[in-house]
Structures are given as structure tokens and as C-alpha cells.
Amino acid sequence: MFGPAALRPALIAAFAAALVHFGPAQATDGFDFSPEQPGRIRAERNDAAVAAIAPGFKFVTEGKFTVAVSPGGPPLATYATDAKTVIGADPDYALAVADSLGLTLELVPIAWIDWPLGLTSGKYDAVISNVGVTEQRKEKFDFSSYRQGLHGFFVKADSGVTSIKEPKDAAGLRIIVGAGTNQERILLKWNDENVAAGLKPLELQYYDDEATSLVALASGRADVIVQPHAQLVFIAARDRNIRRVGTLSAGWPERSDVAITTRKGSGLADALTAATNGLIKNGTYARILERWHLAEEALPKSETNPPGLPKS
């Protein structure tokens, strides 16, 4: 296992080169970060979804769909170049759902950690901010799934590694992963399977920040980096020196869904599920994901309160 203290002259030189490569000229490559968002995709009103709203449900503001989102980084949600407009895949999706319900979207930027309290206290109608479905969360909230929760396997552009789909594909590889993350938990299980099968163990490497991790990959100190898929999609487009060789479900070996989150029993979840399925059926959903390079995270259909990650 390696950390920042293990940096050597070659790695330091690679870091200096990477700083040049990571410059602002590359930062928007393949993505539109303008506040105007001329390519934003709109949707038509979905009468079936509107009819599915429970009688008596009251939106926070009449005529508006008030949605909390955490601008944690592209491509899911971030600030535009004006430093105040929130843009990204989740805001675009929220807009399409609002359109489907015949409402005006009201986005509320929040810190991700604050969404449970804000939702239960009625500050917003829903949270659309990469919230994964878990059995524990389902005790307090309702969910309408809209994306797969995926982690990505990415390698240097010139790497000899071509595909990672199952544990044996990762045998013997040096893999960068965050300590204490869901990705680490899964990879440790992969390692146990490989060792039991007589294959080479995985070598997990840990670094304190993303920049150091990327430099370790670029310098050849590691073979693979594993992070949330969306983050690495943006980095690959920005830096153009890494590529995807596989994805990993956050619920491995089962699928894990990301979902619109609403108050338990509020009567809105079924309408949001119907809105999403309408967007899937008419192709709007696929166009939104494609716009933000997230087509791999598409779901075949939305479900209300699908199976979630089990309680630990």
C-alpha cells in the first residue's frame, strides 16, 4: 500500500507534468458549463404522472417542483461559469421531471449531508442528488429510481488492461481505491474470491486526494483507479489520458439504484416514478444521460422503492 509519503522523484516529475495537463483549458472539454445551457433538454407534460400525485399532496410552493441538489462536481451537479447557476445531469433530469408534472423547477443548492433533515422538515419536495437506495433509508424515505449506482474501472490510455468485469479480471493488479469506501469493501471481497481460487491477490493503494491518485496512475505506480463512475467520466474527458475498462455496481453482486428521494408516505413517489418511465419511453431520459456522458448508468425502468443496499 502506498501513500503520499511514498512519492519518489519520478512521481513528483509526473505530478508537475500533470499540473500542466490539468489546466483550465481542458476543464470543460466535452461539457457545457455555461449558465445559459442552450443544449438543455426539455420534456412534455405527462398527464398520467400528474394523475398519480396523491390527492391532497401540497408542493412546497404552488406551481413549482422544489428540488434539493448538492453541487458536488461534474457531471452530476456543479456550478456554471457564473459561479451561481447549478448545472449537470441531476439538474437536467430534475427539469425534465418538473416539465412532466407541468411545474416550474426550483433548484435549492445544499450540502449533501443536509438533505435528510431538509427533506423531512419540508424545505423541498424532493432530493435529486445521487442518493443511493438503501434498506435503512427506505424506513424514512420513499424512492423513485432513475439511474444505476456505478463505480468505474479506469486505466491509462495506453494500458494493456482492456476489460474488468469480474474478480479474476483484476487478479494481480495494483488498484487505487478510497479507504473506507463502498468500492474498497467490494474489492476486498473480490480479493478474497481470487485468493480462494488460487489467483494473484489485488494490491490496493490508498492516497489522500484525487490529484495524487491520478498522478500515481499516470506515472505507472498503479494499474487501475476505482471511483464513482461519473467522476471518472468527467476526468477522462477533461484530461484525455485515462479510459474506462469496466464498471462495478455499487451493490455488487446485485444492482444498486440511485433515486429521487421524497418524504415517506408523502404521496409523490409514484408520480415521480411514472414521470421517469415516461421520459424513458419517449427517449428524453437517454438524451439527458448522453448529454452528460452517462449512458452506461441508464436504467431500463424506474421503480418505486426498489431493493436497496442491505443494512450493514
Protein backbone atom coordinates (compact mmCIF):
# COMPACT_ATOMS: atom_id res chain seq x y z
CA MET A 1 0.00 0.00 0.00
CA PHE A 2 1.31 3.41 -0.93
CA GLY A 3 0.51 6.94 0.22
CA PRO A 4 1.75 10.47 -0.47
CA ALA A 5 4.85 9.80 1.66
CA ALA A 6 5.92 7.20 -0.87
CA LEU A 7 6.23 9.74 -3.70
CA ARG A 8 9.61 9.49 -5.41
CA PRO A 9 11.36 11.74 -7.93
CA ALA A 10 9.72 10.11 -10.96
CA LEU A 11 6.29 10.51 -9.41
CA ILE A 12 6.98 14.12 -8.47
CA ALA A 13 8.03 14.83 -12.06
CA ALA A 14 4.84 13.21 -13.29
CA PHE A 15 2.86 15.37 -10.86
CA ALA A 16 4.41 18.53 -12.28
CA ALA A 17 3.54 17.44 -15.80
CA ALA A 18 0.02 16.60 -14.72
CA LEU A 19 -0.49 20.04 -13.23
CA VAL A 20 0.09 21.50 -16.66
CA HIS A 21 -2.23 18.95 -18.26
CA PHE A 22 -4.98 19.58 -15.72
CA GLY A 23 -5.10 23.29 -16.61
CA PRO A 24 -8.31 25.24 -17.19
CA ALA A 25 -8.12 24.92 -20.97
CA GLN A 26 -9.08 21.27 -20.64
CA ALA A 27 -11.63 21.70 -17.85
CA THR A 28 -14.74 21.92 -19.99
CA ASP A 29 -13.73 19.53 -22.75
CA GLY A 30 -16.89 17.76 -23.95
CA PHE A 31 -19.18 19.51 -21.47
CA ASP A 32 -21.14 22.77 -21.49
CA PHE A 33 -20.62 24.70 -18.25
CA SER A 34 -22.33 27.89 -19.40
CA PRO A 35 -25.18 29.25 -17.25
CA GLU A 36 -27.37 29.57 -20.36
CA GLN A 37 -27.26 25.81 -21.12
CA PRO A 38 -28.57 26.09 -24.71
CA GLY A 39 -28.46 22.31 -25.13
CA ARG A 40 -30.63 21.56 -22.10
CA ILE A 41 -33.34 19.04 -22.93
CA ARG A 42 -36.98 19.78 -22.12
CA ALA A 43 -39.90 17.40 -21.76
CA GLU A 44 -43.64 17.41 -22.41
CA ARG A 45 -46.28 17.27 -19.69
CA ASN A 46 -47.15 13.70 -18.72
CA ASP A 47 -50.82 13.59 -17.73
CA ALA A 48 -50.54 10.07 -16.31
CA ALA A 49 -47.75 11.20 -13.98
CA VAL A 50 -49.77 14.23 -12.89
CA ALA A 51 -52.75 11.99 -12.17
CA ALA A 52 -50.56 9.77 -9.98
CA ILE A 53 -49.91 12.57 -7.47
CA ALA A 54 -51.80 11.61 -4.31
CA PRO A 55 -54.93 13.67 -3.59
CA GLY A 56 -54.16 16.34 -1.04
CA PHE A 57 -50.42 16.46 -1.71
CA LYS A 58 -49.18 20.03 -1.49
CA PHE A 59 -45.96 21.19 -3.11
CA VAL A 60 -43.68 23.46 -1.09
CA THR A 61 -44.55 26.26 -3.47
CA GLU A 62 -47.69 26.04 -5.58
CA GLY A 63 -46.87 25.55 -9.26
CA LYS A 64 -43.24 24.66 -8.56
CA PHE A 65 -41.26 21.46 -8.09
CA THR A 66 -38.74 22.35 -5.38
CA VAL A 67 -35.72 20.06 -5.58
CA ALA A 68 -32.59 19.94 -3.44
CA VAL A 69 -29.31 19.22 -5.20
CA SER A 70 -25.72 19.20 -3.99
CA PRO A 71 -23.28 20.79 -6.49
CA GLY A 72 -20.56 18.31 -5.61
CA GLY A 73 -18.87 18.23 -9.01
CA PRO A 74 -19.36 17.49 -12.70
CA PRO A 75 -21.01 15.82 -14.46
CA LEU A 76 -23.75 15.17 -11.87
CA ALA A 77 -24.10 18.68 -10.45
CA THR A 78 -21.79 21.68 -10.30
CA TYR A 79 -21.81 25.44 -10.65
CA ALA A 80 -21.70 27.04 -14.09
CA THR A 81 -19.08 29.56 -15.10
CA ASP A 82 -21.12 32.32 -13.43
CA ALA A 83 -20.49 30.57 -10.07
CA LYS A 84 -24.19 30.62 -9.16
CA THR A 85 -26.21 28.59 -11.67
CA VAL A 86 -26.35 24.87 -10.81
CA ILE A 87 -25.96 22.64 -13.87
CA GLY A 88 -25.34 18.99 -14.62
CA ALA A 89 -27.07 15.67 -15.18
CA ASP A 90 -29.12 15.79 -11.98
CA PRO A 91 -30.40 19.35 -12.57
CA ASP A 92 -31.26 18.45 -16.18
CA TYR A 93 -33.13 15.39 -15.01
CA ALA A 94 -34.95 17.41 -12.32
CA LEU A 95 -36.04 19.87 -15.01
CA ALA A 96 -37.42 17.07 -17.19
CA VAL A 97 -39.39 15.68 -14.25
CA ALA A 98 -40.76 19.14 -13.44
CA ASP A 99 -41.79 19.52 -17.08
CA SER A 100 -43.51 16.13 -16.91
CA LEU A 101 -45.53 17.28 -13.90
CA GLY A 102 -46.43 20.59 -15.55
CA LEU A 103 -44.44 22.51 -12.94
CA THR A 104 -41.61 25.07 -12.86
CA LEU A 105 -38.35 23.74 -11.42
CA GLU A 106 -36.98 25.42 -8.31
CA LEU A 107 -33.48 24.13 -7.54
CA VAL A 108 -32.16 24.51 -3.99
CA PRO A 109 -28.36 24.04 -3.71
CA ILE A 110 -27.43 22.25 -0.48
CA ALA A 111 -24.55 20.46 1.20
CA TRP A 112 -25.15 16.76 0.51
CA ILE A 113 -25.06 15.86 4.20
CA ASP A 114 -28.02 18.19 4.87
CA TRP A 115 -30.58 16.55 2.57
CA PRO A 116 -32.26 14.20 5.12
CA LEU A 117 -33.11 16.94 7.60
CA GLY A 118 -34.14 19.41 4.92
CA LEU A 119 -36.43 16.88 3.27
CA THR A 120 -38.12 15.70 6.47
CA SER A 121 -38.65 19.30 7.60
CA GLY A 122 -40.44 20.14 4.34
CA LYS A 123 -37.94 22.58 2.83
CA TYR A 124 -38.24 20.89 -0.56
CA ASP A 125 -40.45 18.39 -2.35
CA ALA A 126 -37.67 16.02 -3.37
CA VAL A 127 -33.94 15.42 -3.46
CA ILE A 128 -32.31 14.64 -6.81
CA SER A 129 -28.65 14.41 -5.91
CA ASN A 130 -27.14 10.97 -6.47
CA VAL A 131 -28.84 9.45 -3.41
CA GLY A 132 -28.46 5.68 -3.39
CA VAL A 133 -31.30 3.44 -2.27
CA THR A 134 -30.61 1.55 0.96
CA GLU A 135 -32.90 -0.54 3.11
CA GLN A 136 -32.15 1.70 6.06
CA ARG A 137 -33.06 4.87 4.17
CA LYS A 138 -36.28 3.26 2.95
CA GLU A 139 -37.51 3.24 6.55
CA LYS A 140 -37.67 7.05 6.47
CA PHE A 141 -37.94 7.98 2.79
CA ASP A 142 -39.59 6.92 -0.45
CA PHE A 143 -37.57 6.43 -3.63
CA SER A 144 -38.16 6.61 -7.39
CA SER A 145 -35.14 5.12 -9.14
CA TYR A 146 -33.60 6.99 -12.07
CA ARG A 147 -30.01 5.79 -12.52
CA GLN A 148 -27.72 2.89 -11.74
CA GLY A 149 -25.19 3.42 -8.99
CA LEU A 150 -21.90 2.58 -10.68
CA HIS A 151 -18.23 2.73 -9.89
CA GLY A 152 -15.75 2.83 -12.75
CA PHE A 153 -12.54 0.97 -13.52
CA PHE A 154 -10.27 3.36 -15.44
CA VAL A 155 -6.69 2.88 -16.66
CA LYS A 156 -4.04 4.87 -18.52
CA ALA A 157 -4.93 5.40 -22.16
CA ASP A 158 -2.03 3.18 -23.26
CA SER A 159 -2.59 0.47 -20.63
CA GLY A 160 -2.58 -3.17 -21.60
CA VAL A 161 -5.60 -3.76 -19.37
CA THR A 162 -8.63 -3.95 -21.66
CA SER A 163 -11.55 -5.22 -19.59
CA ILE A 164 -12.51 -5.72 -15.93
CA LYS A 165 -15.87 -7.39 -15.44
CA GLU A 166 -15.35 -9.86 -12.62
CA PRO A 167 -12.86 -10.62 -9.82
CA LYS A 168 -10.49 -12.76 -11.89
CA ASP A 169 -10.00 -9.89 -14.34
CA ALA A 170 -8.45 -7.82 -11.55
CA ALA A 171 -6.12 -10.52 -10.19
CA GLY A 172 -2.63 -9.17 -9.55
CA LEU A 173 -3.47 -5.58 -10.48
CA ARG A 174 -2.44 -2.53 -8.46
CA ILE A 175 -5.70 -0.69 -7.80
CA ILE A 176 -6.19 2.79 -6.35
CA VAL A 177 -9.27 2.98 -4.12
CA GLY A 178 -10.53 5.20 -1.34
CA ALA A 179 -10.15 3.88 2.20
CA GLY A 180 -13.44 3.07 3.90
CA THR A 181 -15.45 3.38 0.68
CA ASN A 182 -18.01 1.03 -0.79
CA GLN A 183 -15.55 0.38 -3.63
CA GLU A 184 -12.94 -0.83 -1.14
CA ARG A 185 -15.50 -3.11 0.55
CA ILE A 186 -16.32 -4.76 -2.77
CA LEU A 187 -12.70 -5.08 -3.90
CA LEU A 188 -11.77 -6.76 -0.63
CA LYS A 189 -14.46 -9.36 -1.39
CA TRP A 190 -13.04 -9.73 -4.91
CA ASN A 191 -9.62 -10.27 -3.41
CA ASP A 192 -10.92 -12.99 -1.10
CA GLU A 193 -12.51 -14.76 -4.09
CA ASN A 194 -9.29 -14.58 -6.10
CA VAL A 195 -7.11 -15.85 -3.27
CA ALA A 196 -9.53 -18.72 -2.63
CA ALA A 197 -9.32 -19.59 -6.34
CA GLY A 198 -5.53 -19.60 -6.28
CA LEU A 199 -5.20 -16.37 -8.27
CA LYS A 200 -2.91 -13.45 -7.52
CA PRO A 201 -4.22 -11.04 -4.87
CA LEU A 202 -5.23 -7.48 -5.63
CA GLU A 203 -2.80 -4.78 -4.46
CA LEU A 204 -4.91 -1.92 -3.11
CA GLN A 205 -3.30 1.51 -2.95
CA TYR A 206 -4.55 4.48 -0.94
CA TYR A 207 -3.87 8.18 -1.45
CA ASP A 208 -5.07 11.28 0.34
CA ASP A 209 -6.53 13.13 -2.64
CA GLU A 210 -7.67 12.69 -6.21
CA ALA A 211 -4.79 14.61 -7.79
CA THR A 212 -2.19 12.37 -6.17
CA SER A 213 -4.16 9.28 -7.17
CA LEU A 214 -4.27 10.39 -10.80
CA VAL A 215 -0.56 11.09 -10.81
CA ALA A 216 0.15 7.64 -9.39
CA LEU A 217 -1.87 6.15 -12.25
CA ALA A 218 -0.24 8.35 -14.89
CA SER A 219 3.26 7.54 -13.63
CA GLY A 220 2.71 3.79 -13.69
CA ARG A 221 2.75 3.32 -9.93
CA ALA A 222 -0.74 1.81 -10.22
CA ASP A 223 -2.65 -0.04 -12.92
CA VAL A 224 -6.25 0.96 -12.21
CA ILE A 225 -8.23 3.61 -10.37
CA VAL A 226 -11.69 2.87 -8.97
CA GLN A 227 -14.02 5.76 -8.11
CA PRO A 228 -17.66 6.66 -8.68
CA HIS A 229 -18.17 6.25 -12.42
CA ALA A 230 -19.49 9.75 -13.12
CA GLN A 231 -16.44 11.41 -11.58
CA LEU A 232 -14.06 9.41 -13.73
CA VAL A 233 -16.12 10.03 -16.88
CA PHE A 234 -15.54 13.75 -16.42
CA ILE A 235 -11.84 13.34 -15.61
CA ALA A 236 -11.35 11.19 -18.72
CA ALA A 237 -12.97 13.85 -20.92
CA ARG A 238 -11.02 16.63 -19.26
CA ASP A 239 -7.56 15.07 -19.19
CA ARG A 240 -7.79 12.67 -22.14
CA ASN A 241 -5.20 10.33 -20.67
CA ILE A 242 -7.35 7.66 -19.00
CA ARG A 243 -10.07 5.35 -20.32
CA ARG A 244 -12.79 3.10 -18.94
CA VAL A 245 -12.28 -0.68 -18.92
CA GLY A 246 -15.29 -1.63 -16.84
CA THR A 247 -17.96 -0.65 -14.38
CA LEU A 248 -18.88 -2.03 -10.99
CA SER A 249 -22.32 -1.90 -9.40
CA ALA A 250 -22.35 -0.14 -6.04
CA GLY A 251 -24.43 -3.10 -4.82
CA TRP A 252 -22.24 -5.83 -6.28
CA PRO A 253 -23.18 -8.57 -6.97
CA GLU A 254 -26.64 -7.00 -7.17
CA ARG A 255 -27.63 -3.78 -8.95
CA SER A 256 -27.77 -0.65 -6.82
CA ASP A 257 -30.03 2.24 -7.85
CA VAL A 258 -29.84 5.99 -7.45
CA ALA A 259 -33.24 7.53 -6.85
CA ILE A 260 -35.33 10.65 -6.39
CA THR A 261 -35.91 10.85 -2.66
CA THR A 262 -39.17 12.05 -1.09
CA ARG A 263 -40.74 12.09 2.36
CA LYS A 264 -42.07 8.70 3.45
CA GLY A 265 -45.72 8.36 2.57
CA SER A 266 -45.98 11.85 1.09
CA GLY A 267 -47.83 10.56 -1.96
CA LEU A 268 -45.38 11.87 -4.56
CA ALA A 269 -43.15 8.86 -5.25
CA ASP A 270 -45.48 7.01 -7.64
CA ALA A 271 -45.94 10.17 -9.71
CA LEU A 272 -42.17 10.64 -9.97
CA THR A 273 -41.74 7.00 -10.98
CA ALA A 274 -44.41 7.46 -13.67
CA ALA A 275 -42.70 10.64 -14.86
CA THR A 276 -39.37 8.86 -15.15
CA ASN A 277 -40.84 5.93 -17.03
CA GLY A 278 -42.46 8.38 -19.43
CA LEU A 279 -39.07 10.01 -20.01
CA ILE A 280 -37.51 6.59 -20.59
CA LYS A 281 -40.22 5.61 -23.06
CA ASN A 282 -40.04 8.77 -25.17
CA GLY A 283 -36.22 8.90 -25.27
CA THR A 284 -35.78 12.10 -23.26
CA TYR A 285 -34.12 10.20 -20.43
CA ALA A 286 -31.48 8.66 -22.72
CA ARG A 287 -30.74 12.05 -24.29
CA ILE A 288 -30.13 13.62 -20.89
CA LEU A 289 -27.72 10.90 -19.84
CA GLU A 290 -25.93 11.03 -23.19
CA ARG A 291 -25.53 14.81 -22.90
CA TRP A 292 -23.52 14.28 -19.72
CA HIS A 293 -21.70 11.13 -20.96
CA LEU A 294 -23.54 8.84 -18.52
CA ALA A 295 -25.34 6.46 -20.88
CA GLU A 296 -23.82 3.45 -19.06
CA GLU A 297 -25.81 4.40 -15.95
CA ALA A 298 -29.23 4.13 -17.62
CA LEU A 299 -31.99 2.04 -16.05
CA PRO A 300 -34.45 0.02 -18.17
CA LYS A 301 -37.31 1.28 -16.00
CA SER A 302 -37.98 3.29 -12.84
CA GLU A 303 -39.35 1.61 -9.73
CA THR A 304 -40.86 2.94 -6.54
CA ASN A 305 -38.84 1.77 -3.54
CA PRO A 306 -36.70 -0.82 -5.37
CA PRO A 307 -34.43 -3.19 -3.41
CA GLY A 308 -31.70 -1.21 -1.68
CA LEU A 309 -28.30 -1.94 -0.23
CA PRO A 310 -28.78 -4.10 2.87
CA LYS A 311 -28.24 -2.81 6.38
CA SER A 312 -24.65 -3.26 7.48
